[in-house]
Amino acid sequence: MMMPLRARVKNGRLLLDEPTDLPEGTELELGVIDDDLDDSDRAALHAALEASEEEFKAGKGIPAAEVIAELRRG
């Protein structure tokens, strides 16, 4: 799993705070993170995401189309 990249704005430009091994010319879609999570909540969220990724790799995932259809049914 690729870790998120951190960047800061300086003089209207985004500057990465760490090196990356992404291929030259790779385009990224960036979004601003704006939430009210504290460190504990963020750690719990990341743990849940990692656990769900492991479940998905083990074939225990649910296809997105099924999830969306269920949400639309209310």
PDB file of N, CA and C in Angstrom:
ATOM      1  N   MET A   1       0.844  -1.178   0.000  1.00  0.00           N
ATOM      2  CA  MET A   1       0.000   0.000   0.000  1.00  0.00           C
ATOM      3  C   MET A   1       0.887   1.237   0.000  1.00  0.00           C
ATOM      4  N   MET A   2       0.568   2.186  -0.853  1.00  0.00           N
ATOM      5  CA  MET A   2       1.346   3.410  -0.911  1.00  0.00           C
ATOM      6  C   MET A   2       0.889   4.362   0.185  1.00  0.00           C
ATOM      7  N   MET A   3       1.825   4.920   0.889  1.00  0.00           N
ATOM      8  CA  MET A   3       1.512   5.876   1.942  1.00  0.00           C
ATOM      9  C   MET A   3       1.170   7.218   1.307  1.00  0.00           C
ATOM     10  N   PRO A   4       0.312   7.982   1.955  1.00  0.00           N
ATOM     11  CA  PRO A   4      -0.020   9.304   1.409  1.00  0.00           C
ATOM     12  C   PRO A   4       1.217  10.202   1.395  1.00  0.00           C
ATOM     13  N   LEU A   5       1.251  11.087   0.450  1.00  0.00           N
ATOM     14  CA  LEU A   5       2.343  12.047   0.350  1.00  0.00           C
ATOM     15  C   LEU A   5       1.922  13.345   1.035  1.00  0.00           C
ATOM     16  N   ARG A   6       2.827  13.949   1.770  1.00  0.00           N
ATOM     17  CA  ARG A   6       2.547  15.221   2.429  1.00  0.00           C
ATOM     18  C   ARG A   6       3.200  16.338   1.622  1.00  0.00           C
ATOM     19  N   ALA A   7       2.465  17.417   1.502  1.00  0.00           N
ATOM     20  CA  ALA A   7       2.988  18.586   0.811  1.00  0.00           C
ATOM     21  C   ALA A   7       2.538  19.835   1.559  1.00  0.00           C
ATOM     22  N   ARG A   8       3.249  20.915   1.359  1.00  0.00           N
ATOM     23  CA  ARG A   8       2.897  22.208   1.935  1.00  0.00           C
ATOM     24  C   ARG A   8       2.840  23.218   0.802  1.00  0.00           C
ATOM     25  N   VAL A   9       2.055  24.265   1.018  1.00  0.00           N
ATOM     26  CA  VAL A   9       1.963  25.337   0.032  1.00  0.00           C
ATOM     27  C   VAL A   9       3.000  26.405   0.380  1.00  0.00           C
ATOM     28  N   LYS A  10       3.808  26.777  -0.599  1.00  0.00           N
ATOM     29  CA  LYS A  10       4.790  27.841  -0.425  1.00  0.00           C
ATOM     30  C   LYS A  10       4.795  28.674  -1.699  1.00  0.00           C
ATOM     31  N   ASN A  11       4.493  29.950  -1.532  1.00  0.00           N
ATOM     32  CA  ASN A  11       4.427  30.869  -2.682  1.00  0.00           C
ATOM     33  C   ASN A  11       3.474  30.347  -3.752  1.00  0.00           C
ATOM     34  N   GLY A  12       2.357  29.760  -3.320  1.00  0.00           N
ATOM     35  CA  GLY A  12       1.354  29.294  -4.264  1.00  0.00           C
ATOM     36  C   GLY A  12       1.677  27.980  -4.946  1.00  0.00           C
ATOM     37  N   ARG A  13       2.730  27.293  -4.508  1.00  0.00           N
ATOM     38  CA  ARG A  13       3.135  26.008  -5.095  1.00  0.00           C
ATOM     39  C   ARG A  13       3.106  24.928  -4.034  1.00  0.00           C
ATOM     40  N   LEU A  14       2.811  23.704  -4.451  1.00  0.00           N
ATOM     41  CA  LEU A  14       2.850  22.570  -3.538  1.00  0.00           C
ATOM     42  C   LEU A  14       4.256  21.994  -3.522  1.00  0.00           C
ATOM     43  N   LEU A  15       4.797  21.820  -2.318  1.00  0.00           N
ATOM     44  CA  LEU A  15       6.128  21.244  -2.157  1.00  0.00           C
ATOM     45  C   LEU A  15       6.009  19.968  -1.347  1.00  0.00           C
ATOM     46  N   LEU A  16       6.525  18.861  -1.887  1.00  0.00           N
ATOM     47  CA  LEU A  16       6.530  17.604  -1.142  1.00  0.00           C
ATOM     48  C   LEU A  16       7.521  17.692   0.001  1.00  0.00           C
ATOM     49  N   ASP A  17       7.134  17.116   1.147  1.00  0.00           N
ATOM     50  CA  ASP A  17       7.998  17.131   2.316  1.00  0.00           C
ATOM     51  C   ASP A  17       8.909  15.914   2.386  1.00  0.00           C
ATOM     52  N   GLU A  18       8.713  14.939   1.519  1.00  0.00           N
ATOM     53  CA  GLU A  18       9.552  13.746   1.533  1.00  0.00           C
ATOM     54  C   GLU A  18       9.759  13.251   0.105  1.00  0.00           C
ATOM     55  N   PRO A  19      10.804  12.456  -0.105  1.00  0.00           N
ATOM     56  CA  PRO A  19      11.035  11.925  -1.451  1.00  0.00           C
ATOM     57  C   PRO A  19       9.972  10.896  -1.820  1.00  0.00           C
ATOM     58  N   THR A  20       9.823  10.663  -3.087  1.00  0.00           N
ATOM     59  CA  THR A  20       8.886   9.656  -3.583  1.00  0.00           C
ATOM     60  C   THR A  20       9.556   8.869  -4.690  1.00  0.00           C
ATOM     61  N   ASP A  21       9.110   7.634  -4.868  1.00  0.00           N
ATOM     62  CA  ASP A  21       9.650   6.828  -5.961  1.00  0.00           C
ATOM     63  C   ASP A  21       8.648   6.717  -7.103  1.00  0.00           C
ATOM     64  N   LEU A  22       7.699   7.641  -7.161  1.00  0.00           N
ATOM     65  CA  LEU A  22       6.752   7.651  -8.271  1.00  0.00           C
ATOM     66  C   LEU A  22       7.504   7.922  -9.573  1.00  0.00           C
ATOM     67  N   PRO A  23       7.065   7.292 -10.655  1.00  0.00           N
ATOM     68  CA  PRO A  23       7.735   7.518 -11.938  1.00  0.00           C
ATOM     69  C   PRO A  23       7.616   8.981 -12.385  1.00  0.00           C
ATOM     70  N   GLU A  24       8.642   9.448 -13.056  1.00  0.00           N
ATOM     71  CA  GLU A  24       8.645  10.804 -13.601  1.00  0.00           C
ATOM     72  C   GLU A  24       7.416  11.017 -14.471  1.00  0.00           C
ATOM     73  N   GLY A  25       6.753  12.146 -14.302  1.00  0.00           N
ATOM     74  CA  GLY A  25       5.578  12.472 -15.101  1.00  0.00           C
ATOM     75  C   GLY A  25       4.262  11.968 -14.523  1.00  0.00           C
ATOM     76  N   THR A  26       4.325  11.252 -13.389  1.00  0.00           N
ATOM     77  CA  THR A  26       3.099  10.766 -12.762  1.00  0.00           C
ATOM     78  C   THR A  26       2.228  11.941 -12.359  1.00  0.00           C
ATOM     79  N   GLU A  27       0.951  11.878 -12.709  1.00  0.00           N
ATOM     80  CA  GLU A  27       0.009  12.917 -12.305  1.00  0.00           C
ATOM     81  C   GLU A  27      -0.736  12.462 -11.064  1.00  0.00           C
ATOM     82  N   LEU A  28      -0.935  13.368 -10.123  1.00  0.00           N
ATOM     83  CA  LEU A  28      -1.644  13.089  -8.886  1.00  0.00           C
ATOM     84  C   LEU A  28      -2.852  13.991  -8.773  1.00  0.00           C
ATOM     85  N   GLU A  29      -3.895  13.465  -8.167  1.00  0.00           N
ATOM     86  CA  GLU A  29      -5.058  14.282  -7.851  1.00  0.00           C
ATOM     87  C   GLU A  29      -4.992  14.564  -6.357  1.00  0.00           C
ATOM     88  N   LEU A  30      -4.908  15.821  -5.991  1.00  0.00           N
ATOM     89  CA  LEU A  30      -4.755  16.205  -4.595  1.00  0.00           C
ATOM     90  C   LEU A  30      -6.055  16.781  -4.055  1.00  0.00           C
ATOM     91  N   GLY A  31      -6.285  16.562  -2.787  1.00  0.00           N
ATOM     92  CA  GLY A  31      -7.440  17.135  -2.120  1.00  0.00           C
ATOM     93  C   GLY A  31      -7.021  17.638  -0.752  1.00  0.00           C
ATOM     94  N   VAL A  32      -7.691  18.664  -0.282  1.00  0.00           N
ATOM     95  CA  VAL A  32      -7.395  19.226   1.025  1.00  0.00           C
ATOM     96  C   VAL A  32      -8.112  18.396   2.084  1.00  0.00           C
ATOM     97  N   ILE A  33      -7.387  18.006   3.125  1.00  0.00           N
ATOM     98  CA  ILE A  33      -7.981  17.257   4.225  1.00  0.00           C
ATOM     99  C   ILE A  33      -8.490  18.263   5.247  1.00  0.00           C
ATOM    100  N   ASP A  34      -9.767  18.191   5.519  1.00  0.00           N
ATOM    101  CA  ASP A  34     -10.368  19.100   6.487  1.00  0.00           C
ATOM    102  C   ASP A  34     -11.336  18.289   7.326  1.00  0.00           C
ATOM    103  N   ASP A  35     -10.908  17.861   8.499  1.00  0.00           N
ATOM    104  CA  ASP A  35     -11.773  17.057   9.351  1.00  0.00           C
ATOM    105  C   ASP A  35     -11.530  17.409  10.815  1.00  0.00           C
ATOM    106  N   ASP A  36     -12.316  16.814  11.683  1.00  0.00           N
ATOM    107  CA  ASP A  36     -12.204  17.081  13.117  1.00  0.00           C
ATOM    108  C   ASP A  36     -11.637  15.877  13.872  1.00  0.00           C
ATOM    109  N   LEU A  37     -10.932  14.990  13.182  1.00  0.00           N
ATOM    110  CA  LEU A  37     -10.395  13.809  13.846  1.00  0.00           C
ATOM    111  C   LEU A  37      -9.188  14.185  14.705  1.00  0.00           C
ATOM    112  N   ASP A  38      -9.156  13.645  15.924  1.00  0.00           N
ATOM    113  CA  ASP A  38      -7.951  13.807  16.736  1.00  0.00           C
ATOM    114  C   ASP A  38      -7.016  12.644  16.410  1.00  0.00           C
ATOM    115  N   ASP A  39      -5.845  12.614  17.019  1.00  0.00           N
ATOM    116  CA  ASP A  39      -4.859  11.575  16.702  1.00  0.00           C
ATOM    117  C   ASP A  39      -5.392  10.167  16.969  1.00  0.00           C
ATOM    118  N   SER A  40      -6.150  10.008  18.058  1.00  0.00           N
ATOM    119  CA  SER A  40      -6.705   8.697  18.409  1.00  0.00           C
ATOM    120  C   SER A  40      -7.733   8.243  17.372  1.00  0.00           C
ATOM    121  N   ASP A  41      -8.629   9.158  16.986  1.00  0.00           N
ATOM    122  CA  ASP A  41      -9.638   8.823  15.972  1.00  0.00           C
ATOM    123  C   ASP A  41      -8.982   8.494  14.637  1.00  0.00           C
ATOM    124  N   ARG A  42      -7.954   9.271  14.281  1.00  0.00           N
ATOM    125  CA  ARG A  42      -7.270   9.040  13.001  1.00  0.00           C
ATOM    126  C   ARG A  42      -6.570   7.680  13.015  1.00  0.00           C
ATOM    127  N   ALA A  43      -5.950   7.326  14.141  1.00  0.00           N
ATOM    128  CA  ALA A  43      -5.288   6.021  14.253  1.00  0.00           C
ATOM    129  C   ALA A  43      -6.304   4.890  14.130  1.00  0.00           C
ATOM    130  N   ALA A  44      -7.476   5.051  14.771  1.00  0.00           N
ATOM    131  CA  ALA A  44      -8.526   4.035  14.673  1.00  0.00           C
ATOM    132  C   ALA A  44      -9.034   3.912  13.237  1.00  0.00           C
ATOM    133  N   LEU A  45      -9.182   5.032  12.557  1.00  0.00           N
ATOM    134  CA  LEU A  45      -9.625   5.015  11.158  1.00  0.00           C
ATOM    135  C   LEU A  45      -8.623   4.276  10.284  1.00  0.00           C
ATOM    136  N   HIS A  46      -7.347   4.582  10.438  1.00  0.00           N
ATOM    137  CA  HIS A  46      -6.328   3.928   9.622  1.00  0.00           C
ATOM    138  C   HIS A  46      -6.251   2.432   9.928  1.00  0.00           C
ATOM    139  N   ALA A  47      -6.409   2.058  11.192  1.00  0.00           N
ATOM    140  CA  ALA A  47      -6.405   0.631  11.546  1.00  0.00           C
ATOM    141  C   ALA A  47      -7.578  -0.079  10.891  1.00  0.00           C
ATOM    142  N   ALA A  48      -8.753   0.556  10.893  1.00  0.00           N
ATOM    143  CA  ALA A  48      -9.932  -0.042  10.269  1.00  0.00           C
ATOM    144  C   ALA A  48      -9.738  -0.176   8.762  1.00  0.00           C
ATOM    145  N   LEU A  49      -9.139   0.825   8.138  1.00  0.00           N
ATOM    146  CA  LEU A  49      -8.899   0.767   6.696  1.00  0.00           C
ATOM    147  C   LEU A  49      -7.912  -0.346   6.353  1.00  0.00           C
ATOM    148  N   GLU A  50      -6.865  -0.485   7.157  1.00  0.00           N
ATOM    149  CA  GLU A  50      -5.892  -1.553   6.915  1.00  0.00           C
ATOM    150  C   GLU A  50      -6.522  -2.929   7.102  1.00  0.00           C
ATOM    151  N   ALA A  51      -7.381  -3.067   8.120  1.00  0.00           N
ATOM    152  CA  ALA A  51      -8.067  -4.347   8.354  1.00  0.00           C
ATOM    153  C   ALA A  51      -8.996  -4.669   7.191  1.00  0.00           C
ATOM    154  N   SER A  52      -9.691  -3.652   6.691  1.00  0.00           N
ATOM    155  CA  SER A  52     -10.610  -3.908   5.577  1.00  0.00           C
ATOM    156  C   SER A  52      -9.839  -4.258   4.310  1.00  0.00           C
ATOM    157  N   GLU A  53      -8.653  -3.687   4.135  1.00  0.00           N
ATOM    158  CA  GLU A  53      -7.833  -4.038   2.977  1.00  0.00           C
ATOM    159  C   GLU A  53      -7.406  -5.504   3.056  1.00  0.00           C
ATOM    160  N   GLU A  54      -7.047  -5.959   4.245  1.00  0.00           N
ATOM    161  CA  GLU A  54      -6.658  -7.358   4.417  1.00  0.00           C
ATOM    162  C   GLU A  54      -7.847  -8.284   4.149  1.00  0.00           C
ATOM    163  N   GLU A  55      -9.039  -7.905   4.599  1.00  0.00           N
ATOM    164  CA  GLU A  55     -10.238  -8.705   4.331  1.00  0.00           C
ATOM    165  C   GLU A  55     -10.498  -8.780   2.831  1.00  0.00           C
ATOM    166  N   PHE A  56     -10.334  -7.649   2.152  1.00  0.00           N
ATOM    167  CA  PHE A  56     -10.555  -7.613   0.710  1.00  0.00           C
ATOM    168  C   PHE A  56      -9.570  -8.534  -0.009  1.00  0.00           C
ATOM    169  N   LYS A  57      -8.294  -8.474   0.400  1.00  0.00           N
ATOM    170  CA  LYS A  57      -7.275  -9.335  -0.208  1.00  0.00           C
ATOM    171  C   LYS A  57      -7.583 -10.812   0.026  1.00  0.00           C
ATOM    172  N   ALA A  58      -8.255 -11.119   1.133  1.00  0.00           N
ATOM    173  CA  ALA A  58      -8.604 -12.504   1.463  1.00  0.00           C
ATOM    174  C   ALA A  58      -9.901 -12.937   0.786  1.00  0.00           C
ATOM    175  N   GLY A  59     -10.447 -12.077  -0.086  1.00  0.00           N
ATOM    176  CA  GLY A  59     -11.663 -12.437  -0.811  1.00  0.00           C
ATOM    177  C   GLY A  59     -12.945 -12.210  -0.039  1.00  0.00           C
ATOM    178  N   LYS A  60     -12.880 -11.438   1.020  1.00  0.00           N
ATOM    179  CA  LYS A  60     -14.059 -11.197   1.842  1.00  0.00           C
ATOM    180  C   LYS A  60     -14.736  -9.868   1.515  1.00  0.00           C
ATOM    181  N   GLY A  61     -14.321  -9.228   0.436  1.00  0.00           N
ATOM    182  CA  GLY A  61     -14.884  -7.930   0.063  1.00  0.00           C
ATOM    183  C   GLY A  61     -16.255  -8.045  -0.572  1.00  0.00           C
ATOM    184  N   ILE A  62     -16.944  -6.936  -0.602  1.00  0.00           N
ATOM    185  CA  ILE A  62     -18.250  -6.838  -1.257  1.00  0.00           C
ATOM    186  C   ILE A  62     -18.067  -5.892  -2.437  1.00  0.00           C
ATOM    187  N   PRO A  63     -18.489  -6.293  -3.636  1.00  0.00           N
ATOM    188  CA  PRO A  63     -18.341  -5.419  -4.797  1.00  0.00           C
ATOM    189  C   PRO A  63     -19.019  -4.059  -4.567  1.00  0.00           C
ATOM    190  N   ALA A  64     -18.360  -3.001  -5.001  1.00  0.00           N
ATOM    191  CA  ALA A  64     -18.865  -1.647  -4.803  1.00  0.00           C
ATOM    192  C   ALA A  64     -20.283  -1.486  -5.345  1.00  0.00           C
ATOM    193  N   ALA A  65     -20.579  -2.102  -6.488  1.00  0.00           N
ATOM    194  CA  ALA A  65     -21.925  -1.980  -7.071  1.00  0.00           C
ATOM    195  C   ALA A  65     -22.987  -2.497  -6.109  1.00  0.00           C
ATOM    196  N   GLU A  66     -22.673  -3.575  -5.366  1.00  0.00           N
ATOM    197  CA  GLU A  66     -23.629  -4.106  -4.389  1.00  0.00           C
ATOM    198  C   GLU A  66     -23.814  -3.148  -3.220  1.00  0.00           C
ATOM    199  N   VAL A  67     -22.735  -2.563  -2.763  1.00  0.00           N
ATOM    200  CA  VAL A  67     -22.814  -1.612  -1.650  1.00  0.00           C
ATOM    201  C   VAL A  67     -23.636  -0.396  -2.061  1.00  0.00           C
ATOM    202  N   ILE A  68     -23.363   0.138  -3.235  1.00  0.00           N
ATOM    203  CA  ILE A  68     -24.092   1.316  -3.721  1.00  0.00           C
ATOM    204  C   ILE A  68     -25.567   0.996  -3.887  1.00  0.00           C
ATOM    205  N   ALA A  69     -25.888  -0.169  -4.459  1.00  0.00           N
ATOM    206  CA  ALA A  69     -27.287  -0.559  -4.636  1.00  0.00           C
ATOM    207  C   ALA A  69     -27.985  -0.668  -3.279  1.00  0.00           C
ATOM    208  N   GLU A  70     -27.305  -1.221  -2.300  1.00  0.00           N
ATOM    209  CA  GLU A  70     -27.888  -1.346  -0.945  1.00  0.00           C
ATOM    210  C   GLU A  70     -28.118   0.036  -0.332  1.00  0.00           C
ATOM    211  N   LEU A  71     -27.179   0.938  -0.501  1.00  0.00           N
ATOM    212  CA  LEU A  71     -27.338   2.289   0.037  1.00  0.00           C
ATOM    213  C   LEU A  71     -28.494   3.007  -0.629  1.00  0.00           C
ATOM    214  N   ARG A  72     -28.661   2.810  -1.924  1.00  0.00           N
ATOM    215  CA  ARG A  72     -29.766   3.456  -2.639  1.00  0.00           C
ATOM    216  C   ARG A  72     -31.125   2.902  -2.221  1.00  0.00           C
ATOM    217  N   ARG A  73     -31.147   1.626  -1.827  1.00  0.00           N
ATOM    218  CA  ARG A  73     -32.418   1.045  -1.380  1.00  0.00           C
ATOM    219  C   ARG A  73     -32.831   1.619  -0.025  1.00  0.00           C
ATOM    220  N   GLY A  74     -31.874   2.202   0.669  1.00  0.00           N
ATOM    221  CA  GLY A  74     -32.179   2.889   1.920  1.00  0.00           C
ATOM    222  C   GLY A  74     -32.062   2.026   3.086  1.00  0.00           C
TER     223      GLY A  74
END
